[in-house]
């Protein structure tokens, strides 16, 4: 959560005062979600799009597809 909170403090005047920057991320763990770099990047990219679709400012794991994690999480440190 610290990374996402820090990101919100970035000065981005072009966004306007009512629209702070947000951070979404997709996580894939080697070798569980990909034996090759391409497979791992593909899994992380898919997780990133799920994070964005869930409302943005979220972290999603490739493990969510298989039900191995609890879904959207507010913090990388709490994510298994």
N, C-alpha and C. Protein backbone atom coordinates (compact mmCIF):
# COMPACT_ATOMS: atom_id res chain seq x y z
N UNK A 1 0.81 -1.18 0.00
CA UNK A 1 0.00 0.00 0.00
C UNK A 1 0.86 1.25 0.00
N UNK A 2 2.02 1.19 0.58
CA UNK A 2 2.90 2.36 0.65
C UNK A 2 3.24 2.90 -0.73
N UNK A 3 3.49 2.02 -1.67
CA UNK A 3 3.82 2.46 -3.03
C UNK A 3 2.64 3.19 -3.66
N UNK A 4 1.45 2.64 -3.53
CA UNK A 4 0.27 3.29 -4.11
C UNK A 4 0.00 4.62 -3.42
N UNK A 5 0.17 4.71 -2.10
CA UNK A 5 -0.03 5.96 -1.39
C UNK A 5 0.98 7.01 -1.83
N UNK A 6 2.23 6.61 -1.98
CA UNK A 6 3.27 7.53 -2.44
C UNK A 6 2.98 8.03 -3.85
N UNK A 7 2.47 7.15 -4.69
CA UNK A 7 2.17 7.52 -6.06
C UNK A 7 1.09 8.60 -6.11
N UNK A 8 0.14 8.55 -5.19
CA UNK A 8 -0.94 9.56 -5.14
C UNK A 8 -0.42 10.95 -4.81
N UNK A 9 0.76 11.05 -4.22
CA UNK A 9 1.30 12.35 -3.85
C UNK A 9 2.11 12.99 -4.98
N UNK A 10 2.27 12.29 -6.09
CA UNK A 10 3.01 12.82 -7.24
C UNK A 10 2.28 14.06 -7.75
N UNK A 11 3.03 15.11 -7.99
CA UNK A 11 2.46 16.34 -8.51
C UNK A 11 2.17 16.16 -9.99
N UNK A 12 0.90 16.14 -10.33
CA UNK A 12 0.48 15.98 -11.73
C UNK A 12 -0.61 17.01 -12.03
N UNK A 13 -0.23 18.30 -12.15
CA UNK A 13 -1.23 19.36 -12.32
C UNK A 13 -2.08 19.18 -13.58
N UNK A 14 -1.57 18.48 -14.57
CA UNK A 14 -2.35 18.28 -15.78
C UNK A 14 -3.57 17.40 -15.55
N UNK A 15 -3.59 16.65 -14.43
CA UNK A 15 -4.75 15.81 -14.10
C UNK A 15 -5.84 16.62 -13.41
N UNK A 16 -5.49 17.75 -12.85
CA UNK A 16 -6.44 18.57 -12.13
C UNK A 16 -6.47 18.20 -10.65
N UNK A 17 -7.01 19.07 -9.81
CA UNK A 17 -6.98 18.85 -8.37
C UNK A 17 -7.89 17.71 -7.90
N UNK A 18 -8.89 17.36 -8.68
CA UNK A 18 -9.85 16.34 -8.26
C UNK A 18 -9.54 14.95 -8.82
N UNK A 19 -8.42 14.80 -9.49
CA UNK A 19 -8.07 13.51 -10.09
C UNK A 19 -6.61 13.16 -9.79
N UNK A 20 -6.36 12.59 -8.61
CA UNK A 20 -4.98 12.24 -8.28
C UNK A 20 -4.51 11.04 -9.10
N UNK A 21 -3.21 10.92 -9.33
CA UNK A 21 -2.71 9.75 -10.05
C UNK A 21 -2.94 8.48 -9.22
N UNK A 22 -3.16 7.38 -9.90
CA UNK A 22 -3.33 6.10 -9.22
C UNK A 22 -2.38 5.08 -9.84
N UNK A 23 -2.19 3.98 -9.15
CA UNK A 23 -1.27 2.94 -9.60
C UNK A 23 -1.98 1.60 -9.59
N UNK A 24 -1.94 0.92 -10.72
CA UNK A 24 -2.45 -0.44 -10.82
C UNK A 24 -1.29 -1.34 -11.24
N UNK A 25 -1.30 -2.58 -10.74
CA UNK A 25 -0.20 -3.49 -11.05
C UNK A 25 -0.71 -4.91 -11.22
N UNK A 26 -0.01 -5.66 -12.05
CA UNK A 26 -0.27 -7.08 -12.23
C UNK A 26 0.97 -7.85 -11.84
N UNK A 27 0.79 -8.92 -11.09
CA UNK A 27 1.92 -9.69 -10.57
C UNK A 27 1.83 -11.13 -11.06
N UNK A 28 2.96 -11.66 -11.51
CA UNK A 28 3.06 -13.07 -11.89
C UNK A 28 4.36 -13.61 -11.30
N UNK A 29 4.28 -14.77 -10.70
CA UNK A 29 5.42 -15.36 -10.00
C UNK A 29 6.07 -16.45 -10.86
N UNK A 30 7.38 -16.37 -11.00
CA UNK A 30 8.17 -17.38 -11.72
C UNK A 30 8.52 -18.50 -10.76
N UNK A 31 8.45 -19.72 -11.14
CA UNK A 31 7.99 -20.30 -12.42
C UNK A 31 6.53 -20.70 -12.40
N UNK A 32 5.82 -20.40 -11.30
CA UNK A 32 4.44 -20.85 -11.15
C UNK A 32 3.53 -20.37 -12.27
N UNK A 33 3.71 -19.15 -12.75
CA UNK A 33 2.83 -18.60 -13.78
C UNK A 33 3.51 -18.42 -15.12
N UNK A 34 4.70 -18.98 -15.28
CA UNK A 34 5.35 -18.92 -16.58
C UNK A 34 6.78 -19.40 -16.51
N UNK A 35 7.11 -20.33 -17.36
CA UNK A 35 8.47 -20.85 -17.38
C UNK A 35 9.38 -20.00 -18.25
N UNK A 36 8.79 -19.24 -19.18
CA UNK A 36 9.58 -18.37 -20.04
C UNK A 36 9.26 -16.91 -19.72
N UNK A 37 10.12 -16.03 -20.16
CA UNK A 37 9.90 -14.60 -19.95
C UNK A 37 8.59 -14.17 -20.61
N UNK A 38 8.33 -14.64 -21.82
CA UNK A 38 7.10 -14.26 -22.52
C UNK A 38 5.86 -14.73 -21.77
N UNK A 39 5.87 -15.97 -21.26
CA UNK A 39 4.72 -16.48 -20.50
C UNK A 39 4.50 -15.68 -19.23
N UNK A 40 5.58 -15.35 -18.55
CA UNK A 40 5.49 -14.59 -17.30
C UNK A 40 4.96 -13.18 -17.56
N UNK A 41 5.46 -12.53 -18.58
CA UNK A 41 4.98 -11.18 -18.93
C UNK A 41 3.51 -11.21 -19.35
N UNK A 42 3.12 -12.23 -20.09
CA UNK A 42 1.73 -12.36 -20.52
C UNK A 42 0.81 -12.51 -19.30
N UNK A 43 1.20 -13.34 -18.34
CA UNK A 43 0.40 -13.55 -17.13
C UNK A 43 0.31 -12.26 -16.31
N UNK A 44 1.42 -11.55 -16.18
CA UNK A 44 1.41 -10.28 -15.43
C UNK A 44 0.56 -9.23 -16.15
N UNK A 45 0.62 -9.19 -17.47
CA UNK A 45 -0.17 -8.25 -18.24
C UNK A 45 -1.66 -8.52 -18.07
N UNK A 46 -2.05 -9.79 -18.09
CA UNK A 46 -3.46 -10.15 -17.89
C UNK A 46 -3.92 -9.74 -16.49
N UNK A 47 -3.06 -9.93 -15.50
CA UNK A 47 -3.40 -9.53 -14.13
C UNK A 47 -3.52 -8.00 -14.05
N UNK A 48 -2.67 -7.28 -14.75
CA UNK A 48 -2.75 -5.81 -14.77
C UNK A 48 -4.09 -5.36 -15.33
N UNK A 49 -4.54 -5.96 -16.42
CA UNK A 49 -5.81 -5.56 -17.00
C UNK A 49 -6.97 -5.87 -16.06
N UNK A 50 -6.90 -6.97 -15.31
CA UNK A 50 -7.92 -7.25 -14.30
C UNK A 50 -7.93 -6.18 -13.21
N UNK A 51 -6.73 -5.73 -12.82
CA UNK A 51 -6.64 -4.67 -11.80
C UNK A 51 -7.30 -3.39 -12.32
N UNK A 52 -7.05 -3.04 -13.54
CA UNK A 52 -7.64 -1.84 -14.11
C UNK A 52 -9.16 -1.97 -14.25
N UNK A 53 -9.62 -3.14 -14.65
CA UNK A 53 -11.05 -3.37 -14.81
C UNK A 53 -11.78 -3.36 -13.47
N UNK A 54 -11.09 -3.66 -12.39
CA UNK A 54 -11.73 -3.72 -11.08
C UNK A 54 -11.92 -2.34 -10.46
N UNK A 55 -11.53 -1.32 -11.15
CA UNK A 55 -11.73 0.03 -10.65
C UNK A 55 -10.45 0.82 -10.55
N UNK A 56 -9.38 0.25 -10.98
CA UNK A 56 -8.06 0.90 -10.93
C UNK A 56 -7.56 1.04 -9.51
N UNK A 57 -6.32 1.53 -9.38
CA UNK A 57 -5.66 1.68 -8.09
C UNK A 57 -5.71 0.36 -7.32
N UNK A 58 -5.36 -0.72 -8.01
CA UNK A 58 -5.44 -2.06 -7.42
C UNK A 58 -4.22 -2.87 -7.84
N UNK A 59 -3.99 -3.95 -7.11
CA UNK A 59 -2.95 -4.91 -7.43
C UNK A 59 -3.63 -6.27 -7.58
N UNK A 60 -3.41 -6.92 -8.72
CA UNK A 60 -3.97 -8.25 -8.95
C UNK A 60 -2.85 -9.21 -9.30
N UNK A 61 -3.06 -10.45 -8.94
CA UNK A 61 -2.08 -11.50 -9.18
C UNK A 61 -2.56 -12.45 -10.27
N UNK A 62 -1.63 -13.02 -11.01
CA UNK A 62 -1.98 -14.04 -11.99
C UNK A 62 -2.61 -15.24 -11.31
N UNK A 63 -2.35 -15.44 -10.03
CA UNK A 63 -2.92 -16.56 -9.29
C UNK A 63 -4.43 -16.43 -9.11
N UNK A 64 -4.96 -15.25 -9.27
CA UNK A 64 -6.40 -15.04 -9.09
C UNK A 64 -7.22 -15.88 -10.06
N UNK A 65 -6.70 -16.12 -11.26
CA UNK A 65 -7.42 -16.93 -12.24
C UNK A 65 -7.65 -18.34 -11.71
N UNK A 66 -6.71 -18.85 -10.97
CA UNK A 66 -6.81 -20.22 -10.49
C UNK A 66 -7.41 -20.29 -9.10
N UNK A 67 -7.79 -19.13 -8.55
CA UNK A 67 -8.40 -19.10 -7.23
C UNK A 67 -7.41 -19.26 -6.10
N UNK A 68 -6.12 -19.06 -6.36
CA UNK A 68 -5.10 -19.24 -5.33
C UNK A 68 -4.93 -18.02 -4.45
N UNK A 69 -5.50 -16.89 -4.84
CA UNK A 69 -5.41 -15.70 -3.99
C UNK A 69 -6.81 -15.15 -3.77
N UNK A 70 -6.90 -14.16 -2.94
CA UNK A 70 -8.20 -13.62 -2.58
C UNK A 70 -8.68 -12.53 -3.51
N UNK A 71 -7.98 -12.24 -4.57
CA UNK A 71 -8.42 -11.20 -5.49
C UNK A 71 -7.74 -9.88 -5.25
N UNK A 72 -8.46 -8.82 -5.53
CA UNK A 72 -7.91 -7.48 -5.41
C UNK A 72 -7.36 -7.26 -4.01
N UNK A 73 -6.20 -6.69 -3.95
CA UNK A 73 -5.56 -6.47 -2.66
C UNK A 73 -5.07 -5.04 -2.56
N UNK A 74 -5.14 -4.44 -1.39
CA UNK A 74 -4.70 -3.06 -1.25
C UNK A 74 -3.19 -2.90 -1.11
N UNK A 75 -2.45 -3.99 -1.06
CA UNK A 75 -1.03 -3.87 -0.76
C UNK A 75 -0.25 -5.05 -1.31
N UNK A 76 0.92 -4.77 -1.84
CA UNK A 76 1.78 -5.85 -2.30
C UNK A 76 2.25 -6.71 -1.14
N UNK A 77 2.48 -6.10 0.01
CA UNK A 77 3.02 -6.85 1.14
C UNK A 77 2.01 -7.85 1.70
N UNK A 78 0.74 -7.66 1.45
CA UNK A 78 -0.28 -8.59 1.92
C UNK A 78 -0.65 -9.64 0.91
N UNK A 79 -0.06 -9.58 -0.25
CA UNK A 79 -0.45 -10.47 -1.36
C UNK A 79 0.42 -11.71 -1.37
N UNK A 80 -0.20 -12.86 -1.45
CA UNK A 80 0.55 -14.14 -1.50
C UNK A 80 0.70 -14.59 -2.92
